[in-house]
Amino acid sequence: MKQVFILIVFLSLVVPSAHADNPKDYASWWIKNYGVVDSKTDPLVSRAEKVFERVAAASDKRGNRLPRLIIIKASGDPYAQAIKDGSVILTQGGLGICYQGVTLEKGDARLAFILGHELAHLAKDDFWHSLAFVALKEFGDEKRVREILANELKWDMADPKTQEFIRKQELQADCYGLIYMTMSGYDPKAIIDRDGTNFFEDWVSKITGKIAYSDATHPGPKERAEFLRAQLGPVYFTFGVRLYQTGRYSDAILLFEAFKEKFPSREVFSNIGLCHYQLAMRVLSNCDESLPLRFKLPTLLDIDTLGGKLRGWGSEASSCLKQETFLKHINTSIHYLKIAAEMDPTYLPARINLSSALIISGEYAKAMSVLDEALKIQPGNPEALCNKAVSLYLFGKVNNIDTGDNVLGLLRDVSERNPSFSDAIYNMASIQSERGRNAAALETWNRFLKVEPTGVYAQVAKEKLGIKSDDKSSAKKGPEMKSPVKLGDIKGETEKILKGMKKKEFIIGGFNGEVYEGGGIKVLAIDNTVEIVEAETEKEADLKKAYGEPVKKLKNLYGSTLIYGNFAIDVVDGRVKKMVYFKKETI
């Protein structure tokens, strides 16, 4: 968790400071000299803490420190800065600026950007701005500050290459701030909307120390805003996620790879790895549809084939697991997931996903080692414990060690502590069936269906229970929703609507597309065809009554996404935030 940006904070240089150890590098100094603000004193503090938690979960981190937010009793410069002990120091005045004259939701988004920007600095061990502020406070002379920075950091401030480096690093930090806030579920238009106040200018107008943006080497607020508007990075990531959710893994990889070229973050490496994992599962399913359904691993959320009878993992399974295409995708998945895990020693999703890939590839001992790391990050995490149980069970099977009762005990404990976590229940039922404990298995299969009554795993449970159902309709039932922009060929009324929206074109290899935005709607078009439409909304709903049971439910950093036949909904705190429309055939 990390920093906040204060235009001086905007200076993101990847060269760590050579400055000697300074008491201002520690939160204790700020707390002692200023005091802290709590939610009893200022109700915005509790909102800031929630925003920080969400953005921190999305951002890259270093293993030698866990970021935390400290809000101090001060109103002037520095409004916000990240310091070496991993703290983000935010003043009460800086907090107020984010919410001044706007709705609470827009204030949350502004603060999310600031925190995201600071977290980007923190992840890169970039404390240039902190050193500048300390020097400015001590000497009050910008010329003297530049001399100190040149001496401390060994920079030739007159060198055009140094100046260009500073500009590029600063603009990239802005982009990471935008990406982290977007990944956390906040609206980037709160920062760069052409129709509203330029938040950069608004922030700068309230800052007294101008060194961060008055120097010719640093882009000004208008340039920053225009730079961010021109970026497709967040759009690549957003629609990559949507393509993944609709089962279009190869197309999702193209967008994630484009995003990675500019922003090689742990999140995108993890997502690329997960796409390859799902492609590997698809190969297995085409070879033997029962193989991906033996266990319900946390990342097995997008299997698009329906379950048949479980035939076990005999010679037929061995043949499937040796297919060249399967091996290519599963090995690529492991490669990317390892990179994501190594980039951030506190990043749980990459480790959960990596353990699933290692289990599928038969590397059970390595999977357990990765899961031990995950459980150190978050003890008691149900996904990690579930995968650990499966890997321990399979390790025992391969090595002729009876681990079944220990594994069943572990899964039973996980399911009791997390009664809505269907994965543990499914795996418990599967192992009970394999061990011939039919009475217990039937009870557990029934329990699973109460938690997850639809989808391919529910179909397996119904077959085990002898319940007849139309497997091809069970995963496709539910309402159909009409998109505000018609899906399909761009012509007629669709063409008229799109002409009234802002358009950005992109080419990724042979992948030609456009992104349209306007009126709270985003549209992804590929080869002159509308593929995905995302519409912002804000409403409360009895989800089960309004939409029925989803085909799939995907967790994310700030809530969940429920996938139905031809649409999906993003849900945060029980409220529908976005509607996503796509062709039914893509599920």
Foldseek 3Di string as FASTA:
>chain_A
DFKFDQLLLLQADLQAWLDPDDPVLDVVVQCVVFNFDDCVRPVLRVLLQVLLLLLLLLAFADPQADEDETETADAAPPQWATHQRRYIYHYPNNLCLLPPPHDPQLSSLNRLLRGQLGSVSNLSNGRLSVQLRVVCVVPVDLVVSVVVSCVGRVDDVVDVVVLQSRAVSSLLSSLRSLQSSVQSPGDSCSAQPPVDDNVQVSSVVRHDDCSSDPDPSYDGSVVSSVSNVQDCLNVLQVVLVVLVVLPNLVSSLLSLVVNCVSPVALVSLLSNLLSLVQVLLQLLCVQPVQVVQLADAPSPFDDPDADDARPDCDPSVVVSLPDPSSVVSLVSSLVSLVVSCVSHLLNQSSLSSNLVSCVSNPNLVVSLVSLVSNCVNPPLDLNSLLSNLSSVCSVCVVVVHPCLVVSLVSLVVNCVVPVLPLRSLLNSLSSCVVVVVLVVNLVSLVSSCVNAVAARNNSNSCVSNVHDDDRVCRLADKDDDQDPADWFACDDPNVVVQVVWDKDWDDRPPWTWIWTDDDQKIFIATPRTTFKIKHFDWAADPCCVVINAANGWADGSAAIWGHHQFKIFGDHPRITTMIMGGHSVSD
